[in-house]
């Protein structure tokens, strides 16, 4: 029996997740891959090729969108806005273009796969939360995720059923590297400064998932046959850690370097109340094993892999380089009027 090839479009293909997902998908001969990215973060490593288009997705025509079987929507803002990046306005931009793409997918019977976040659970008082638990988003980022989730629920029906992947606290090396994820940052602190600084008491709980695990979840979602809209937490039950436990794991990998608790760390100063991180949640991942039986994630192995990759950057002193912090980079270009408040890239004369 001949397997029909799937025409897959990745929107936001050159970002932290997108760049690694595309590397993974291009190995499958049953996938015809097209990549689109507006290079919002001015990543000079992006190479033009036959299946990469440098374009803002807001300029894609309806006719163009209609050509695909699957669309994975990775374009968006990475975390909570800072400085003069007006949060409500910026996230409304993301909501509107996601809304348009989703409606076009419904119109043309295209599978729509979208990344939400386990951060929508916010601060959970229960022992463990699952996909049916009440959400409690605490930041503009997570509130926007719920807003989009609710929209997708509203438009889903018997013929259109999006797949929403609620991704855990992701970490790992990418060709479009970010240090504004907690694990990546703590690992780089350990390598570059030989100490780990926590500006909270470290008691907040987070579910961890490696970038490799996230990529596999998207891959399984492409071929997953669903009869209704699905929300799936992405991670594993064994990888719920407190930030302090995570710091200790990283410390041991780096010869038991010192951990400083309740110290000044300018990078993670939001969402703290009385030196406690208000975001704390333990997540249940039973559903992903039922829906994607082959899904697995070896966090200890991936932490070691991250360490080995980041060691190559040790002498470059990248820990405080804004280029590795998505919203710091956007704010920098906003101040220099290279990006509009609607997140359009301006041409440099």
C-alpha atoms as a PDB file:
ATOM      1  CA  UNK A   1       0.000   0.000   0.000  1.00  0.00           C
ATOM      2  CA  UNK A   2       1.449   3.333  -1.083  1.00  0.00           C
ATOM      3  CA  UNK A   3       1.807   5.903   1.701  1.00  0.00           C
ATOM      4  CA  UNK A   4       0.652   9.372   0.687  1.00  0.00           C
ATOM      5  CA  UNK A   5       3.216  12.026   1.412  1.00  0.00           C
ATOM      6  CA  UNK A   6       2.144  14.821   3.729  1.00  0.00           C
ATOM      7  CA  UNK A   7       2.782  18.420   2.773  1.00  0.00           C
ATOM      8  CA  UNK A   8       3.774  20.034   6.061  1.00  0.00           C
ATOM      9  CA  UNK A   9       4.190  23.775   6.628  1.00  0.00           C
ATOM     10  CA  UNK A  10       6.141  25.006   9.655  1.00  0.00           C
ATOM     11  CA  UNK A  11       5.368  28.620  10.572  1.00  0.00           C
ATOM     12  CA  UNK A  12       8.183  29.925  12.751  1.00  0.00           C
ATOM     13  CA  UNK A  13      10.590  27.392  11.334  1.00  0.00           C
ATOM     14  CA  UNK A  14      13.851  29.028  12.386  1.00  0.00           C
ATOM     15  CA  UNK A  15      13.134  29.482  16.089  1.00  0.00           C
ATOM     16  CA  UNK A  16      14.275  27.485  19.104  1.00  0.00           C
ATOM     17  CA  UNK A  17      11.848  24.599  18.530  1.00  0.00           C
ATOM     18  CA  UNK A  18      11.231  25.111  14.816  1.00  0.00           C
ATOM     19  CA  UNK A  19      14.847  24.794  13.716  1.00  0.00           C
ATOM     20  CA  UNK A  20      15.263  21.433  15.462  1.00  0.00           C
ATOM     21  CA  UNK A  21      11.842  20.165  14.390  1.00  0.00           C
ATOM     22  CA  UNK A  22      12.665  20.875  10.745  1.00  0.00           C
ATOM     23  CA  UNK A  23      15.967  19.009  11.048  1.00  0.00           C
ATOM     24  CA  UNK A  24      14.022  16.030  12.380  1.00  0.00           C
ATOM     25  CA  UNK A  25      11.187  16.115   9.845  1.00  0.00           C
ATOM     26  CA  UNK A  26      13.407  16.382   6.789  1.00  0.00           C
ATOM     27  CA  UNK A  27      14.677  12.863   7.534  1.00  0.00           C
ATOM     28  CA  UNK A  28      11.221  11.416   6.855  1.00  0.00           C
ATOM     29  CA  UNK A  29      10.698  10.740   3.149  1.00  0.00           C
ATOM     30  CA  UNK A  30       6.928  10.783   3.644  1.00  0.00           C
ATOM     31  CA  UNK A  31       7.011  14.481   4.570  1.00  0.00           C
ATOM     32  CA  UNK A  32       7.300  17.309   2.061  1.00  0.00           C
ATOM     33  CA  UNK A  33       8.479  20.158   4.253  1.00  0.00           C
ATOM     34  CA  UNK A  34       8.085  23.903   3.733  1.00  0.00           C
ATOM     35  CA  UNK A  35       9.565  26.385   6.212  1.00  0.00           C
ATOM     36  CA  UNK A  36       8.485  29.992   6.735  1.00  0.00           C
ATOM     37  CA  UNK A  37       9.975  32.494   9.159  1.00  0.00           C
ATOM     38  CA  UNK A  38      10.237  36.290   9.243  1.00  0.00           C
ATOM     39  CA  UNK A  39      13.641  36.206  11.017  1.00  0.00           C
ATOM     40  CA  UNK A  40      12.224  38.351  13.825  1.00  0.00           C
ATOM     41  CA  UNK A  41      15.228  37.633  16.001  1.00  0.00           C
ATOM     42  CA  UNK A  42      17.679  38.428  13.207  1.00  0.00           C
ATOM     43  CA  UNK A  43      19.359  35.052  13.358  1.00  0.00           C
ATOM     44  CA  UNK A  44      22.212  35.288  10.849  1.00  0.00           C
ATOM     45  CA  UNK A  45      22.663  31.519  10.857  1.00  0.00           C
ATOM     46  CA  UNK A  46      19.520  31.065   8.752  1.00  0.00           C
ATOM     47  CA  UNK A  47      20.412  29.824   5.293  1.00  0.00           C
ATOM     48  CA  UNK A  48      18.132  30.347   2.331  1.00  0.00           C
ATOM     49  CA  UNK A  49      17.209  27.133   0.504  1.00  0.00           C
ATOM     50  CA  UNK A  50      14.495  25.691  -1.686  1.00  0.00           C
ATOM     51  CA  UNK A  51      12.069  24.952   1.129  1.00  0.00           C
ATOM     52  CA  UNK A  52      12.694  28.045   3.275  1.00  0.00           C
ATOM     53  CA  UNK A  53      10.779  31.274   2.697  1.00  0.00           C
ATOM     54  CA  UNK A  54      11.740  34.460   4.526  1.00  0.00           C
ATOM     55  CA  UNK A  55       8.318  36.058   4.978  1.00  0.00           C
ATOM     56  CA  UNK A  56       5.919  37.335   7.626  1.00  0.00           C
ATOM     57  CA  UNK A  57       3.061  34.825   7.845  1.00  0.00           C
ATOM     58  CA  UNK A  58       0.556  37.704   7.870  1.00  0.00           C
ATOM     59  CA  UNK A  59       1.359  38.209   4.171  1.00  0.00           C
ATOM     60  CA  UNK A  60       0.605  34.623   3.146  1.00  0.00           C
ATOM     61  CA  UNK A  61      -2.393  34.349   0.840  1.00  0.00           C
ATOM     62  CA  UNK A  62      -5.360  32.081   1.474  1.00  0.00           C
ATOM     63  CA  UNK A  63      -4.533  30.238  -1.740  1.00  0.00           C
ATOM     64  CA  UNK A  64      -0.996  29.537  -0.568  1.00  0.00           C
ATOM     65  CA  UNK A  65      -2.169  28.185   2.792  1.00  0.00           C
ATOM     66  CA  UNK A  66      -4.659  25.861   1.071  1.00  0.00           C
ATOM     67  CA  UNK A  67      -1.855  23.780  -0.486  1.00  0.00           C
ATOM     68  CA  UNK A  68      -0.845  22.011   2.728  1.00  0.00           C
ATOM     69  CA  UNK A  69      -2.014  18.924   4.612  1.00  0.00           C
ATOM     70  CA  UNK A  70      -0.593  19.907   7.998  1.00  0.00           C
ATOM     71  CA  UNK A  71       0.335  23.273   9.496  1.00  0.00           C
ATOM     72  CA  UNK A  72       2.403  23.543  12.669  1.00  0.00           C
ATOM     73  CA  UNK A  73       2.084  27.016  14.136  1.00  0.00           C
ATOM     74  CA  UNK A  74       5.270  27.858  16.034  1.00  0.00           C
ATOM     75  CA  UNK A  75       5.359  31.591  15.285  1.00  0.00           C
ATOM     76  CA  UNK A  76       4.802  33.663  18.412  1.00  0.00           C
ATOM     77  CA  UNK A  77       6.349  35.314  21.447  1.00  0.00           C
ATOM     78  CA  UNK A  78       8.424  33.124  23.700  1.00  0.00           C
ATOM     79  CA  UNK A  79       7.641  34.338  27.190  1.00  0.00           C
ATOM     80  CA  UNK A  80       6.542  37.310  29.288  1.00  0.00           C
ATOM     81  CA  UNK A  81       7.100  40.740  27.684  1.00  0.00           C
ATOM     82  CA  UNK A  82       9.551  43.234  29.137  1.00  0.00           C
ATOM     83  CA  UNK A  83      10.613  46.841  28.722  1.00  0.00           C
ATOM     84  CA  UNK A  84       8.682  48.761  26.070  1.00  0.00           C
ATOM     85  CA  UNK A  85       7.206  45.717  24.373  1.00  0.00           C
ATOM     86  CA  UNK A  86       3.582  46.459  25.245  1.00  0.00           C
ATOM     87  CA  UNK A  87       2.341  43.054  26.415  1.00  0.00           C
ATOM     88  CA  UNK A  88      -1.372  43.218  25.667  1.00  0.00           C
ATOM     89  CA  UNK A  89      -0.829  44.744  22.225  1.00  0.00           C
ATOM     90  CA  UNK A  90       1.974  42.347  21.333  1.00  0.00           C
ATOM     91  CA  UNK A  91       0.059  39.264  22.375  1.00  0.00           C
ATOM     92  CA  UNK A  92      -3.067  40.499  20.608  1.00  0.00           C
ATOM     93  CA  UNK A  93      -0.992  40.500  17.400  1.00  0.00           C
ATOM     94  CA  UNK A  94      -0.094  36.844  18.038  1.00  0.00           C
ATOM     95  CA  UNK A  95      -3.725  35.976  18.791  1.00  0.00           C
ATOM     96  CA  UNK A  96      -5.017  37.584  15.592  1.00  0.00           C
ATOM     97  CA  UNK A  97      -2.606  35.903  13.187  1.00  0.00           C
ATOM     98  CA  UNK A  98      -3.019  32.529  14.920  1.00  0.00           C
ATOM     99  CA  UNK A  99      -6.791  32.979  14.655  1.00  0.00           C
ATOM    100  CA  UNK A 100      -6.555  33.630  10.908  1.00  0.00           C
ATOM    101  CA  UNK A 101      -4.345  30.610  10.206  1.00  0.00           C
ATOM    102  CA  UNK A 102      -6.587  28.334  12.287  1.00  0.00           C
ATOM    103  CA  UNK A 103      -9.721  29.493  10.449  1.00  0.00           C
ATOM    104  CA  UNK A 104      -8.024  28.878   7.097  1.00  0.00           C
ATOM    105  CA  UNK A 105      -7.042  25.389   8.240  1.00  0.00           C
ATOM    106  CA  UNK A 106     -10.684  24.734   9.084  1.00  0.00           C
ATOM    107  CA  UNK A 107     -11.832  26.088   5.723  1.00  0.00           C
ATOM    108  CA  UNK A 108      -9.371  23.979   3.722  1.00  0.00           C
ATOM    109  CA  UNK A 109      -9.506  20.854   5.932  1.00  0.00           C
ATOM    110  CA  UNK A 110      -5.867  21.161   7.032  1.00  0.00           C
ATOM    111  CA  UNK A 111      -4.613  19.558  10.241  1.00  0.00           C
ATOM    112  CA  UNK A 112      -3.658  22.332  12.679  1.00  0.00           C
ATOM    113  CA  UNK A 113      -1.060  21.623  15.376  1.00  0.00           C
ATOM    114  CA  UNK A 114      -0.409  24.342  17.917  1.00  0.00           C
ATOM    115  CA  UNK A 115       1.926  24.635  20.943  1.00  0.00           C
ATOM    116  CA  UNK A 116       0.359  25.727  24.192  1.00  0.00           C
ATOM    117  CA  UNK A 117       2.201  25.506  27.503  1.00  0.00           C
ATOM    118  CA  UNK A 118       1.943  23.781  30.861  1.00  0.00           C
ATOM    119  CA  UNK A 119       2.422  27.273  32.311  1.00  0.00           C
ATOM    120  CA  UNK A 120      -1.350  27.694  31.839  1.00  0.00           C
ATOM    121  CA  UNK A 121      -1.735  25.733  35.092  1.00  0.00           C
ATOM    122  CA  UNK A 122      -0.096  28.686  36.872  1.00  0.00           C
ATOM    123  CA  UNK A 123      -0.188  27.834  40.544  1.00  0.00           C
ATOM    124  CA  UNK A 124      -1.880  24.532  41.187  1.00  0.00           C
ATOM    125  CA  UNK A 125      -2.929  23.642  44.721  1.00  0.00           C
ATOM    126  CA  UNK A 126      -3.757  20.073  43.738  1.00  0.00           C
ATOM    127  CA  UNK A 127      -1.175  17.312  43.898  1.00  0.00           C
ATOM    128  CA  UNK A 128      -1.109  16.905  40.132  1.00  0.00           C
ATOM    129  CA  UNK A 129      -2.893  18.554  37.214  1.00  0.00           C
ATOM    130  CA  UNK A 130      -3.960  17.015  33.928  1.00  0.00           C
ATOM    131  CA  UNK A 131      -5.578  18.182  30.710  1.00  0.00           C
ATOM    132  CA  UNK A 132      -9.008  18.387  32.392  1.00  0.00           C
ATOM    133  CA  UNK A 133      -7.828  20.447  35.366  1.00  0.00           C
ATOM    134  CA  UNK A 134      -8.791  24.067  35.876  1.00  0.00           C
ATOM    135  CA  UNK A 135      -6.196  26.416  34.422  1.00  0.00           C
ATOM    136  CA  UNK A 136      -4.788  29.418  36.260  1.00  0.00           C
ATOM    137  CA  UNK A 137      -2.576  31.464  33.910  1.00  0.00           C
ATOM    138  CA  UNK A 138      -0.507  34.121  35.702  1.00  0.00           C
ATOM    139  CA  UNK A 139       1.404  35.878  32.913  1.00  0.00           C
ATOM    140  CA  UNK A 140       0.523  37.571  29.617  1.00  0.00           C
ATOM    141  CA  UNK A 141       2.204  34.648  27.870  1.00  0.00           C
ATOM    142  CA  UNK A 142       0.076  31.953  29.539  1.00  0.00           C
ATOM    143  CA  UNK A 143      -3.124  34.037  29.401  1.00  0.00           C
ATOM    144  CA  UNK A 144      -2.628  34.365  25.652  1.00  0.00           C
ATOM    145  CA  UNK A 145      -2.174  30.601  25.398  1.00  0.00           C
ATOM    146  CA  UNK A 146      -5.539  30.025  27.094  1.00  0.00           C
ATOM    147  CA  UNK A 147      -7.190  32.656  24.909  1.00  0.00           C
ATOM    148  CA  UNK A 148      -6.028  30.818  21.789  1.00  0.00           C
ATOM    149  CA  UNK A 149      -6.960  27.421  23.270  1.00  0.00           C
ATOM    150  CA  UNK A 150     -10.487  28.686  23.917  1.00  0.00           C
ATOM    151  CA  UNK A 151     -10.762  29.991  20.373  1.00  0.00           C
ATOM    152  CA  UNK A 152      -9.675  26.635  18.957  1.00  0.00           C
ATOM    153  CA  UNK A 153     -12.241  24.876  21.132  1.00  0.00           C
ATOM    154  CA  UNK A 154     -14.913  27.234  19.824  1.00  0.00           C
ATOM    155  CA  UNK A 155     -14.215  26.577  16.142  1.00  0.00           C
ATOM    156  CA  UNK A 156     -13.521  22.859  16.396  1.00  0.00           C
ATOM    157  CA  UNK A 157     -16.175  20.455  15.116  1.00  0.00           C
ATOM    158  CA  UNK A 158     -16.500  16.956  13.673  1.00  0.00           C
ATOM    159  CA  UNK A 159     -14.424  17.876  10.629  1.00  0.00           C
ATOM    160  CA  UNK A 160     -11.897  20.228  12.245  1.00  0.00           C
ATOM    161  CA  UNK A 161     -10.125  19.071  15.371  1.00  0.00           C
ATOM    162  CA  UNK A 162      -6.834  20.830  16.163  1.00  0.00           C
ATOM    163  CA  UNK A 163      -4.122  19.216  18.267  1.00  0.00           C
ATOM    164  CA  UNK A 164      -2.929  21.383  21.141  1.00  0.00           C
ATOM    165  CA  UNK A 165       0.340  20.356  22.749  1.00  0.00           C
ATOM    166  CA  UNK A 166       0.793  21.822  26.224  1.00  0.00           C
ATOM    167  CA  UNK A 167       4.568  21.807  26.383  1.00  0.00           C
ATOM    168  CA  UNK A 168       6.452  21.483  29.675  1.00  0.00           C
ATOM    169  CA  UNK A 169       9.395  23.667  30.678  1.00  0.00           C
ATOM    170  CA  UNK A 170      11.581  22.916  27.697  1.00  0.00           C
ATOM    171  CA  UNK A 171      15.371  22.746  27.644  1.00  0.00           C
ATOM    172  CA  UNK A 172      18.094  21.630  25.309  1.00  0.00           C
ATOM    173  CA  UNK A 173      20.493  22.792  22.651  1.00  0.00           C
ATOM    174  CA  UNK A 174      19.194  24.287  19.425  1.00  0.00           C
ATOM    175  CA  UNK A 175      20.807  25.895  16.408  1.00  0.00           C
ATOM    176  CA  UNK A 176      18.637  28.858  17.388  1.00  0.00           C
ATOM    177  CA  UNK A 177      19.780  28.790  21.001  1.00  0.00           C
ATOM    178  CA  UNK A 178      17.830  30.391  23.853  1.00  0.00           C
ATOM    179  CA  UNK A 179      19.124  31.051  27.354  1.00  0.00           C
ATOM    180  CA  UNK A 180      15.809  32.448  28.600  1.00  0.00           C
ATOM    181  CA  UNK A 181      14.592  28.986  29.561  1.00  0.00           C
ATOM    182  CA  UNK A 182      15.420  28.148  33.159  1.00  0.00           C
ATOM    183  CA  UNK A 183      17.392  24.935  32.558  1.00  0.00           C
ATOM    184  CA  UNK A 184      19.496  26.363  29.737  1.00  0.00           C
ATOM    185  CA  UNK A 185      20.279  29.436  31.820  1.00  0.00           C
ATOM    186  CA  UNK A 186      21.234  27.520  34.966  1.00  0.00           C
ATOM    187  CA  UNK A 187      23.450  25.198  32.931  1.00  0.00           C
ATOM    188  CA  UNK A 188      25.200  28.141  31.266  1.00  0.00           C
ATOM    189  CA  UNK A 189      25.687  29.791  34.678  1.00  0.00           C
ATOM    190  CA  UNK A 190      27.345  26.639  35.946  1.00  0.00           C
ATOM    191  CA  UNK A 191      29.626  26.380  32.929  1.00  0.00           C
ATOM    192  CA  UNK A 192      30.527  30.036  32.496  1.00  0.00           C
ATOM    193  CA  UNK A 193      30.472  31.408  36.068  1.00  0.00           C
ATOM    194  CA  UNK A 194      30.978  28.198  38.058  1.00  0.00           C
ATOM    195  CA  UNK A 195      27.964  29.042  40.212  1.00  0.00           C
ATOM    196  CA  UNK A 196      24.181  28.888  39.986  1.00  0.00           C
ATOM    197  CA  UNK A 197      22.106  31.848  41.144  1.00  0.00           C
ATOM    198  CA  UNK A 198      18.454  31.430  42.121  1.00  0.00           C
ATOM    199  CA  UNK A 199      16.560  34.598  42.906  1.00  0.00           C
ATOM    200  CA  UNK A 200      13.802  32.579  44.575  1.00  0.00           C
ATOM    201  CA  UNK A 201      13.814  29.897  47.250  1.00  0.00           C
ATOM    202  CA  UNK A 202      13.725  27.243  44.510  1.00  0.00           C
ATOM    203  CA  UNK A 203      10.594  25.536  45.845  1.00  0.00           C
ATOM    204  CA  UNK A 204       8.482  26.140  42.715  1.00  0.00           C
ATOM    205  CA  UNK A 205       7.663  22.960  40.804  1.00  0.00           C
ATOM    206  CA  UNK A 206       8.166  22.582  37.072  1.00  0.00           C
ATOM    207  CA  UNK A 207       7.737  19.666  34.669  1.00  0.00           C
ATOM    208  CA  UNK A 208      10.786  19.387  32.418  1.00  0.00           C
ATOM    209  CA  UNK A 209      10.916  18.163  28.852  1.00  0.00           C
ATOM    210  CA  UNK A 210      13.863  18.102  26.494  1.00  0.00           C
ATOM    211  CA  UNK A 211      13.762  19.796  23.121  1.00  0.00           C
ATOM    212  CA  UNK A 212      14.280  16.369  21.589  1.00  0.00           C
ATOM    213  CA  UNK A 213      11.144  15.154  23.384  1.00  0.00           C
ATOM    214  CA  UNK A 214       9.127  18.131  22.131  1.00  0.00           C
ATOM    215  CA  UNK A 215      10.235  17.510  18.556  1.00  0.00           C
ATOM    216  CA  UNK A 216       9.114  13.872  18.770  1.00  0.00           C
ATOM    217  CA  UNK A 217       5.719  14.939  20.137  1.00  0.00           C
ATOM    218  CA  UNK A 218       5.139  17.209  17.127  1.00  0.00           C
ATOM    219  CA  UNK A 219       6.220  14.416  14.801  1.00  0.00           C
ATOM    220  CA  UNK A 220       3.750  11.953  16.347  1.00  0.00           C
ATOM    221  CA  UNK A 221       1.014  14.609  16.179  1.00  0.00           C
ATOM    222  CA  UNK A 222       1.437  14.891  12.402  1.00  0.00           C
ATOM    223  CA  UNK A 223       0.430  11.253  11.904  1.00  0.00           C
ATOM    224  CA  UNK A 224      -1.988  10.990  14.844  1.00  0.00           C
ATOM    225  CA  UNK A 225      -5.573  10.353  13.737  1.00  0.00           C
ATOM    226  CA  UNK A 226      -7.990  12.120  16.037  1.00  0.00           C
ATOM    227  CA  UNK A 227     -11.782  12.316  15.920  1.00  0.00           C
ATOM    228  CA  UNK A 228     -11.978  15.393  18.141  1.00  0.00           C
ATOM    229  CA  UNK A 229      -9.820  18.287  19.285  1.00  0.00           C
ATOM    230  CA  UNK A 230      -7.071  17.046  21.566  1.00  0.00           C
ATOM    231  CA  UNK A 231      -5.164  18.804  24.336  1.00  0.00           C
ATOM    232  CA  UNK A 232      -2.079  16.823  25.331  1.00  0.00           C
ATOM    233  CA  UNK A 233       0.469  17.614  28.037  1.00  0.00           C
ATOM    234  CA  UNK A 234       3.986  16.982  26.695  1.00  0.00           C
ATOM    235  CA  UNK A 235       6.406  15.525  29.224  1.00  0.00           C
ATOM    236  CA  UNK A 236       6.850  12.540  31.554  1.00  0.00           C
ATOM    237  CA  UNK A 237       5.621  11.944  35.106  1.00  0.00           C
ATOM    238  CA  UNK A 238       9.114  11.259  36.447  1.00  0.00           C
ATOM    239  CA  UNK A 239      10.412  14.668  35.373  1.00  0.00           C
ATOM    240  CA  UNK A 240       8.495  17.017  37.694  1.00  0.00           C
ATOM    241  CA  UNK A 241      11.174  18.851  39.671  1.00  0.00           C
ATOM    242  CA  UNK A 242      11.500  21.809  41.983  1.00  0.00           C
ATOM    243  CA  UNK A 243      13.806  24.502  40.638  1.00  0.00           C
ATOM    244  CA  UNK A 244      16.171  23.780  43.531  1.00  0.00           C
ATOM    245  CA  UNK A 245      16.292  20.065  42.679  1.00  0.00           C
ATOM    246  CA  UNK A 246      17.004  20.991  39.066  1.00  0.00           C
ATOM    247  CA  UNK A 247      19.810  23.306  40.195  1.00  0.00           C
ATOM    248  CA  UNK A 248      21.304  20.478  42.263  1.00  0.00           C
ATOM    249  CA  UNK A 249      21.210  18.132  39.282  1.00  0.00           C
ATOM    250  CA  UNK A 250      23.056  20.700  37.186  1.00  0.00           C
ATOM    251  CA  UNK A 251      25.488  21.375  40.034  1.00  0.00           C
ATOM    252  CA  UNK A 252      26.440  17.687  40.239  1.00  0.00           C
ATOM    253  CA  UNK A 253      27.037  17.528  36.499  1.00  0.00           C
ATOM    254  CA  UNK A 254      29.475  20.410  36.914  1.00  0.00           C
ATOM    255  CA  UNK A 255      31.459  19.015  39.884  1.00  0.00           C
ATOM    256  CA  UNK A 256      29.149  20.274  42.641  1.00  0.00           C
ATOM    257  CA  UNK A 257      29.487  23.979  42.050  1.00  0.00           C
ATOM    258  CA  UNK A 258      27.935  26.412  44.536  1.00  0.00           C
ATOM    259  CA  UNK A 259      24.219  27.262  44.429  1.00  0.00           C
ATOM    260  CA  UNK A 260      23.197  30.694  45.717  1.00  0.00           C
ATOM    261  CA  UNK A 261      19.572  30.931  46.866  1.00  0.00           C
ATOM    262  CA  UNK A 262      17.554  34.175  47.102  1.00  0.00           C
ATOM    263  CA  UNK A 263      20.321  36.088  45.348  1.00  0.00           C
ATOM    264  CA  UNK A 264      20.015  38.801  42.723  1.00  0.00           C
ATOM    265  CA  UNK A 265      19.580  37.387  39.252  1.00  0.00           C
ATOM    266  CA  UNK A 266      18.488  40.092  36.834  1.00  0.00           C
ATOM    267  CA  UNK A 267      17.224  37.647  34.234  1.00  0.00           C
ATOM    268  CA  UNK A 268      14.410  36.006  36.208  1.00  0.00           C
ATOM    269  CA  UNK A 269      12.943  38.777  38.328  1.00  0.00           C
ATOM    270  CA  UNK A 270       9.306  38.508  37.222  1.00  0.00           C
ATOM    271  CA  UNK A 271       6.571  36.503  38.973  1.00  0.00           C
ATOM    272  CA  UNK A 272       8.302  36.585  42.359  1.00  0.00           C
ATOM    273  CA  UNK A 273       6.393  37.328  45.556  1.00  0.00           C
ATOM    274  CA  UNK A 274       8.368  37.369  48.807  1.00  0.00           C
ATOM    275  CA  UNK A 275      11.180  35.528  47.058  1.00  0.00           C
ATOM    276  CA  UNK A 276       8.849  32.732  45.942  1.00  0.00           C
ATOM    277  CA  UNK A 277       7.972  32.033  42.327  1.00  0.00           C
ATOM    278  CA  UNK A 278       4.193  32.264  42.079  1.00  0.00           C
ATOM    279  CA  UNK A 279       4.206  29.760  39.194  1.00  0.00           C
ATOM    280  CA  UNK A 280       4.303  26.233  40.600  1.00  0.00           C
ATOM    281  CA  UNK A 281       2.627  23.140  39.180  1.00  0.00           C
ATOM    282  CA  UNK A 282       3.066  19.381  39.027  1.00  0.00           C
ATOM    283  CA  UNK A 283       1.714  17.876  35.829  1.00  0.00           C
ATOM    284  CA  UNK A 284       0.322  14.453  34.964  1.00  0.00           C
ATOM    285  CA  UNK A 285       1.413  13.007  31.601  1.00  0.00           C
ATOM    286  CA  UNK A 286      -0.603   9.796  31.378  1.00  0.00           C
ATOM    287  CA  UNK A 287      -2.516  10.965  28.310  1.00  0.00           C
ATOM    288  CA  UNK A 288       0.507  11.410  26.034  1.00  0.00           C
ATOM    289  CA  UNK A 289       1.524   7.790  26.597  1.00  0.00           C
ATOM    290  CA  UNK A 290      -1.948   6.695  25.494  1.00  0.00           C
ATOM    291  CA  UNK A 291      -2.091   8.940  22.435  1.00  0.00           C
ATOM    292  CA  UNK A 292       1.590   8.700  21.424  1.00  0.00           C
ATOM    293  CA  UNK A 293       2.725   5.277  22.782  1.00  0.00           C
ATOM    294  CA  UNK A 294       6.276   5.687  21.467  1.00  0.00           C
ATOM    295  CA  UNK A 295       6.842   9.002  23.268  1.00  0.00           C
ATOM    296  CA  UNK A 296       9.696   9.002  25.796  1.00  0.00           C
ATOM    297  CA  UNK A 297      12.141  11.510  27.183  1.00  0.00           C
ATOM    298  CA  UNK A 298      15.403  10.800  29.016  1.00  0.00           C
ATOM    299  CA  UNK A 299      15.976  14.053  30.894  1.00  0.00           C
ATOM    300  CA  UNK A 300      19.242  12.990  32.545  1.00  0.00           C
ATOM    301  CA  UNK A 301      20.727  12.040  29.180  1.00  0.00           C
ATOM    302  CA  UNK A 302      19.511  15.278  27.603  1.00  0.00           C
ATOM    303  CA  UNK A 303      20.926  17.384  30.473  1.00  0.00           C
ATOM    304  CA  UNK A 304      24.330  15.836  29.852  1.00  0.00           C
ATOM    305  CA  UNK A 305      23.981  16.459  26.139  1.00  0.00           C
ATOM    306  CA  UNK A 306      23.079  20.107  26.824  1.00  0.00           C
ATOM    307  CA  UNK A 307      26.130  20.462  29.054  1.00  0.00           C
ATOM    308  CA  UNK A 308      28.455  19.096  26.372  1.00  0.00           C
ATOM    309  CA  UNK A 309      27.021  21.410  23.708  1.00  0.00           C
ATOM    310  CA  UNK A 310      27.129  24.547  25.889  1.00  0.00           C
ATOM    311  CA  UNK A 311      30.730  23.922  26.959  1.00  0.00           C
ATOM    312  CA  UNK A 312      31.741  24.937  23.448  1.00  0.00           C
ATOM    313  CA  UNK A 313      30.412  28.446  24.209  1.00  0.00           C
ATOM    314  CA  UNK A 314      32.262  28.827  27.515  1.00  0.00           C
ATOM    315  CA  UNK A 315      34.951  31.191  26.258  1.00  0.00           C
ATOM    316  CA  UNK A 316      32.505  33.303  24.261  1.00  0.00           C
ATOM    317  CA  UNK A 317      30.792  34.570  27.433  1.00  0.00           C
ATOM    318  CA  UNK A 318      27.243  34.369  26.086  1.00  0.00           C
ATOM    319  CA  UNK A 319      25.351  34.271  29.394  1.00  0.00           C
ATOM    320  CA  UNK A 320      24.532  37.992  29.360  1.00  0.00           C
ATOM    321  CA  UNK A 321      24.340  38.387  25.599  1.00  0.00           C
ATOM    322  CA  UNK A 322      20.848  39.701  24.744  1.00  0.00           C
ATOM    323  CA  UNK A 323      20.869  37.786  21.447  1.00  0.00           C
ATOM    324  CA  UNK A 324      20.094  34.630  23.395  1.00  0.00           C
ATOM    325  CA  UNK A 325      17.100  36.177  25.202  1.00  0.00           C
ATOM    326  CA  UNK A 326      14.187  36.503  22.823  1.00  0.00           C
ATOM    327  CA  UNK A 327      12.289  39.403  24.332  1.00  0.00           C
ATOM    328  CA  UNK A 328      15.397  41.320  25.301  1.00  0.00           C
ATOM    329  CA  UNK A 329      16.355  41.125  21.642  1.00  0.00           C
ATOM    330  CA  UNK A 330      12.934  42.352  20.515  1.00  0.00           C
ATOM    331  CA  UNK A 331      13.022  45.216  23.007  1.00  0.00           C
ATOM    332  CA  UNK A 332      16.468  46.197  21.765  1.00  0.00           C
ATOM    333  CA  UNK A 333      15.219  46.457  18.181  1.00  0.00           C
ATOM    334  CA  UNK A 334      12.038  48.241  19.241  1.00  0.00           C
ATOM    335  CA  UNK A 335      14.098  50.971  20.863  1.00  0.00           C
ATOM    336  CA  UNK A 336      16.061  51.303  17.652  1.00  0.00           C
ATOM    337  CA  UNK A 337      12.864  51.305  15.577  1.00  0.00           C
ATOM    338  CA  UNK A 338      13.852  48.218  13.634  1.00  0.00           C
ATOM    339  CA  UNK A 339      10.600  46.530  14.686  1.00  0.00           C
ATOM    340  CA  UNK A 340       7.183  48.192  14.848  1.00  0.00           C
ATOM    341  CA  UNK A 341       4.882  47.806  17.836  1.00  0.00           C
ATOM    342  CA  UNK A 342       2.846  45.454  15.653  1.00  0.00           C
ATOM    343  CA  UNK A 343       5.960  43.272  15.365  1.00  0.00           C
ATOM    344  CA  UNK A 344       6.617  44.037  11.709  1.00  0.00           C
ATOM    345  CA  UNK A 345      10.278  44.156  10.741  1.00  0.00           C
ATOM    346  CA  UNK A 346      11.290  47.478   9.261  1.00  0.00           C
ATOM    347  CA  UNK A 347      13.709  47.666   6.369  1.00  0.00           C
ATOM    348  CA  UNK A 348      17.075  49.125   7.324  1.00  0.00           C
ATOM    349  CA  UNK A 349      18.103  51.899   4.971  1.00  0.00           C
END
